[in-house]
Amino acid sequence: MKRSFWLFNSLLFVLLSLITSAHSASVSGKDDRNSHCINWSGPNEQVLLAAGSSATSDPFKRAQALFKEKEYDDVIGLLSGPADAEPNNLKLNILLAKALTEKCFILKTKGDSSYKTLIKKPYQIGRRIHKIDETLSEPYYIVAKCLLVNDRIYRAIKTVKKALYFSPDNAEYLLVLGDACCRYSEHLEDPYQARRYLHAAQDAYQKAIKIRKDDKGLKAEIEKKIRELSEEVKTKKKREIGEL
């Protein structure tokens, strides 16, 4: 009996020793592997991760890049959710509204009447942001473009002039003013008044060219418009003095 008890205790001791050794080896192996991972994901990897995240995780920066490429649908898809979730985030909502307005211009040019519904959103965004800060120029600009899309041209002129009051050297605002003045002149029966608005359009376009002098494509486009306006001014002047 004593012999059996002694054998049982000896076996139990050996078994416990084996279990303890196996556990220690397992822990040591894990520590070695963890140590290897930490060394591999050191400062260099953290820098790479930070660089990658800054380039891809910021929806506003990505949307800015897409807006410059005139990928307005992608901008709208990227910002609609975040902008709705943060209605007081000005930079998100302003960029979204600008992309929506540009898309509405494209739809209208194509004869797609869906712009009439879509244009309401950027208009509402512009009005809401204006209530937050009345000194910001961008809300005036957004609302002015929306009014221009909806053919409320005189109101568009008055509104974009308010944007220019706060930011007089903004080429985008000047282009909207030029387009609005040019279109408004078409609705005027009085040749003198029509000519006055055509001159205002020319002046706005010329200022925009000076500001964006490095944009050769814009310069060529605007210079063509100015030449056409010059011919219209001459025609209006002849009509005014009764030569036509």
Protein backbone atom coordinates (compact mmCIF):
# COMPACT_ATOMS: atom_id res chain seq x y z
CA MET A 1 0.00 0.00 0.00
CA LYS A 2 2.77 2.43 0.93
CA ARG A 3 4.67 1.44 -2.20
CA SER A 4 1.62 2.19 -4.40
CA PHE A 5 1.10 5.52 -2.68
CA TRP A 6 4.75 6.42 -3.22
CA LEU A 7 4.58 5.51 -6.92
CA PHE A 8 1.40 7.56 -7.37
CA ASN A 9 3.00 10.63 -5.77
CA SER A 10 6.11 10.25 -7.92
CA LEU A 11 4.04 10.02 -11.12
CA LEU A 12 1.98 13.03 -10.09
CA PHE A 13 5.14 15.07 -9.43
CA VAL A 14 6.61 14.15 -12.84
CA LEU A 15 3.33 14.97 -14.59
CA LEU A 16 3.11 18.39 -12.88
CA SER A 17 6.71 19.14 -13.82
CA LEU A 18 6.02 18.35 -17.47
CA ILE A 19 2.91 20.56 -17.53
CA THR A 20 4.81 23.47 -15.94
CA SER A 21 7.67 23.15 -18.43
CA ALA A 22 5.30 23.04 -21.39
CA HIS A 23 3.44 26.11 -20.18
CA SER A 24 6.71 28.04 -19.67
CA ALA A 25 7.85 27.14 -23.18
CA SER A 26 4.52 28.23 -24.62
CA VAL A 27 4.66 31.59 -22.85
CA SER A 28 8.25 32.09 -23.88
CA GLY A 29 7.37 31.31 -27.49
CA LYS A 30 4.55 33.82 -27.44
CA ASP A 31 6.80 36.44 -25.91
CA ASP A 32 9.39 35.82 -28.63
CA ARG A 33 6.80 36.14 -31.36
CA ASN A 34 5.31 39.27 -29.81
CA SER A 35 8.78 40.72 -29.44
CA HIS A 36 9.39 40.04 -33.13
CA CYS A 37 6.11 41.75 -34.13
CA ILE A 38 6.85 44.83 -32.04
CA ASN A 39 10.27 45.16 -33.60
CA TRP A 40 8.80 44.77 -37.10
CA SER A 41 6.06 47.31 -36.51
CA GLY A 42 8.44 49.91 -35.20
CA PRO A 43 8.70 53.65 -35.91
CA ASN A 44 9.04 53.24 -39.68
CA GLU A 45 5.83 51.28 -39.95
CA GLN A 46 4.00 53.77 -37.76
CA VAL A 47 5.11 56.58 -40.06
CA LEU A 48 3.86 54.66 -43.09
CA LEU A 49 0.54 53.96 -41.42
CA ALA A 50 0.17 57.61 -40.46
CA ALA A 51 0.97 58.73 -43.99
CA GLY A 52 -1.48 56.26 -45.48
CA SER A 53 -4.26 57.21 -43.10
CA SER A 54 -3.78 60.91 -43.71
CA ALA A 55 -4.11 60.35 -47.44
CA THR A 56 -7.14 58.08 -47.36
CA SER A 57 -9.03 58.47 -44.09
CA ASP A 58 -9.85 62.19 -44.28
CA PRO A 59 -13.01 62.48 -46.43
CA PHE A 60 -12.65 66.25 -46.76
CA LYS A 61 -9.14 66.07 -48.22
CA ARG A 62 -10.18 63.34 -50.64
CA ALA A 63 -13.28 65.33 -51.60
CA GLN A 64 -11.17 68.45 -52.23
CA ALA A 65 -8.97 66.50 -54.63
CA LEU A 66 -12.01 65.05 -56.39
CA PHE A 67 -13.63 68.49 -56.65
CA LYS A 68 -10.54 69.86 -58.38
CA GLU A 69 -10.85 67.01 -60.89
CA LYS A 70 -14.54 67.93 -61.37
CA GLU A 71 -15.64 64.52 -60.08
CA TYR A 72 -18.75 66.02 -58.51
CA ASP A 73 -20.69 62.77 -58.14
CA ASP A 74 -17.82 61.25 -56.16
CA VAL A 75 -17.64 64.32 -53.93
CA ILE A 76 -21.37 64.12 -53.26
CA GLY A 77 -21.18 60.41 -52.49
CA LEU A 78 -18.23 60.93 -50.15
CA LEU A 79 -19.54 63.93 -48.20
CA SER A 80 -23.33 63.50 -48.07
CA GLY A 81 -23.24 61.22 -45.03
CA PRO A 82 -20.64 63.11 -42.98
CA ALA A 83 -22.18 66.51 -43.84
CA ASP A 84 -25.67 65.37 -42.82
CA ALA A 85 -24.25 63.94 -39.60
CA GLU A 86 -22.46 67.23 -38.84
CA PRO A 87 -24.70 70.06 -40.11
CA ASN A 88 -22.55 72.66 -38.35
CA ASN A 89 -19.32 71.43 -39.91
CA LEU A 90 -18.85 74.32 -42.31
CA LYS A 91 -16.07 72.99 -44.51
CA LEU A 92 -17.86 69.69 -45.21
CA ASN A 93 -21.20 71.32 -45.95
CA ILE A 94 -19.76 74.12 -48.08
CA LEU A 95 -17.81 71.71 -50.30
CA LEU A 96 -20.84 69.42 -50.61
CA ALA A 97 -23.07 72.35 -51.57
CA LYS A 98 -20.59 73.52 -54.21
CA ALA A 99 -20.40 70.03 -55.72
CA LEU A 100 -24.21 69.77 -55.77
CA THR A 101 -24.50 73.15 -57.47
CA GLU A 102 -21.96 72.23 -60.14
CA LYS A 103 -23.83 68.99 -60.79
CA CYS A 104 -27.06 70.95 -61.19
CA PHE A 105 -25.42 73.17 -63.82
CA ILE A 106 -24.35 70.07 -65.73
CA LEU A 107 -27.82 68.49 -65.49
CA LYS A 108 -29.46 71.68 -66.68
CA THR A 109 -27.06 71.97 -69.61
CA LYS A 110 -27.96 68.41 -70.61
CA GLY A 111 -31.68 69.19 -70.40
CA ASP A 112 -32.17 66.94 -67.37
CA SER A 113 -34.95 68.50 -65.27
CA SER A 114 -33.90 66.58 -62.13
CA TYR A 115 -31.74 69.60 -61.28
CA LYS A 116 -34.91 71.41 -60.18
CA THR A 117 -35.22 69.10 -57.18
CA LEU A 118 -31.51 68.66 -56.50
CA ILE A 119 -30.78 72.40 -56.43
CA LYS A 120 -32.89 72.81 -53.30
CA LYS A 121 -30.30 71.07 -51.11
CA PRO A 122 -27.30 73.36 -51.76
CA TYR A 123 -29.60 76.36 -51.50
CA GLN A 124 -30.76 75.19 -48.06
CA ILE A 125 -27.18 74.50 -46.99
CA GLY A 126 -26.11 77.99 -48.04
CA ARG A 127 -28.96 79.61 -46.16
CA ARG A 128 -28.29 77.54 -43.05
CA ILE A 129 -24.58 78.37 -42.99
CA HIS A 130 -25.37 82.04 -43.51
CA LYS A 131 -27.42 81.96 -40.28
CA ILE A 132 -24.43 80.48 -38.45
CA ASP A 133 -22.04 83.20 -39.65
CA GLU A 134 -23.27 86.16 -41.71
CA THR A 135 -19.72 87.32 -42.44
CA LEU A 136 -18.78 84.25 -44.47
CA SER A 137 -18.62 84.79 -48.22
CA GLU A 138 -19.14 81.18 -49.31
CA PRO A 139 -22.84 80.93 -48.34
CA TYR A 140 -23.61 84.00 -50.47
CA TYR A 141 -21.74 82.44 -53.37
CA ILE A 142 -23.56 79.10 -53.04
CA VAL A 143 -26.96 80.76 -52.87
CA ALA A 144 -26.08 83.01 -55.84
CA LYS A 145 -25.17 80.02 -58.00
CA CYS A 146 -28.37 78.24 -57.00
CA LEU A 147 -30.37 81.33 -57.96
CA LEU A 148 -28.55 81.50 -61.28
CA VAL A 149 -29.39 77.85 -62.00
CA ASN A 150 -33.05 78.60 -61.26
CA ASP A 151 -32.99 81.66 -63.58
CA ARG A 152 -33.52 84.11 -60.74
CA ILE A 153 -30.78 86.18 -62.26
CA TYR A 154 -31.19 89.60 -60.68
CA ARG A 155 -31.23 88.09 -57.20
CA ALA A 156 -28.16 86.08 -58.13
CA ILE A 157 -26.34 89.32 -59.06
CA LYS A 158 -27.26 90.99 -55.78
CA THR A 159 -26.27 87.92 -53.75
CA VAL A 160 -22.90 87.27 -55.38
CA LYS A 161 -22.04 90.95 -54.90
CA LYS A 162 -22.41 90.32 -51.16
CA ALA A 163 -19.94 87.44 -51.47
CA LEU A 164 -17.54 89.78 -53.27
CA TYR A 165 -17.93 92.35 -50.52
CA PHE A 166 -16.30 89.88 -48.10
CA SER A 167 -13.91 88.38 -50.66
CA PRO A 168 -13.34 90.83 -53.55
CA ASP A 169 -10.48 88.93 -55.16
CA ASN A 170 -12.21 85.59 -55.56
CA ALA A 171 -12.20 84.51 -59.21
CA GLU A 172 -15.08 82.05 -58.75
CA TYR A 173 -17.35 84.80 -57.45
CA LEU A 174 -16.35 87.13 -60.29
CA LEU A 175 -17.14 84.47 -62.88
CA VAL A 176 -20.62 83.99 -61.41
CA LEU A 177 -21.13 87.76 -61.46
CA GLY A 178 -20.01 87.89 -65.09
CA ASP A 179 -22.33 85.05 -66.12
CA ALA A 180 -25.27 86.55 -64.26
CA CYS A 181 -24.76 90.05 -65.70
CA CYS A 182 -24.37 88.63 -69.19
CA ARG A 183 -27.60 86.65 -68.92
CA TYR A 184 -29.49 89.50 -67.32
CA SER A 185 -28.62 91.79 -70.23
CA GLU A 186 -30.46 89.40 -72.55
CA HIS A 187 -33.74 90.08 -70.74
CA LEU A 188 -33.47 93.86 -70.89
CA GLU A 189 -35.33 95.72 -73.63
CA ASP A 190 -33.60 99.01 -72.92
CA PRO A 191 -30.35 98.92 -74.97
CA TYR A 192 -28.59 101.30 -72.57
CA GLN A 193 -29.32 99.13 -69.54
CA ALA A 194 -28.42 95.99 -71.45
CA ARG A 195 -25.11 97.53 -72.50
CA ARG A 196 -24.42 98.57 -68.90
CA TYR A 197 -24.77 94.96 -67.69
CA LEU A 198 -22.62 93.69 -70.55
CA HIS A 199 -19.89 96.12 -69.48
CA ALA A 200 -20.24 94.83 -65.91
CA ALA A 201 -19.85 91.25 -67.18
CA GLN A 202 -16.71 92.21 -69.12
CA ASP A 203 -15.23 93.89 -66.08
CA ALA A 204 -15.92 90.85 -63.86
CA TYR A 205 -14.38 88.46 -66.38
CA GLN A 206 -11.27 90.58 -66.83
CA LYS A 207 -10.71 90.71 -63.07
CA ALA A 208 -11.11 86.93 -62.88
CA ILE A 209 -8.46 86.47 -65.59
CA LYS A 210 -5.99 88.64 -63.68
CA ILE A 211 -6.52 86.59 -60.53
CA ARG A 212 -6.29 83.24 -62.35
CA LYS A 213 -3.58 84.32 -64.81
CA ASP A 214 -1.85 80.92 -64.61
CA ASP A 215 -5.01 79.07 -65.69
CA LYS A 216 -4.52 79.09 -69.46
CA GLY A 217 -7.70 77.15 -70.18
CA LEU A 218 -9.84 79.59 -68.22
CA LYS A 219 -8.05 82.56 -69.77
CA ALA A 220 -8.78 81.34 -73.32
CA GLU A 221 -12.41 80.65 -72.46
CA ILE A 222 -12.98 84.03 -70.82
CA GLU A 223 -11.17 85.96 -73.53
CA LYS A 224 -13.51 84.37 -76.05
CA LYS A 225 -16.48 85.46 -73.94
CA ILE A 226 -15.12 88.99 -73.69
CA ARG A 227 -14.76 89.20 -77.49
CA GLU A 228 -18.35 88.04 -77.93
CA LEU A 229 -19.53 90.53 -75.32
CA SER A 230 -17.66 93.33 -77.08
CA GLU A 231 -19.63 92.57 -80.25
CA GLU A 232 -22.87 92.55 -78.28
CA VAL A 233 -21.99 95.90 -76.69
CA LYS A 234 -21.43 97.39 -80.14
CA THR A 235 -24.76 96.00 -81.34
CA LYS A 236 -26.60 97.37 -78.29
CA LYS A 237 -24.97 100.76 -78.77
CA LYS A 238 -26.05 100.94 -82.42
CA ARG A 239 -29.55 99.97 -81.42
CA GLU A 240 -29.54 102.64 -78.73
CA ILE A 241 -28.69 105.43 -81.20
CA GLY A 242 -31.15 104.10 -83.76
CA GLU A 243 -28.74 102.75 -86.36
CA LEU A 244 -30.40 99.33 -86.38
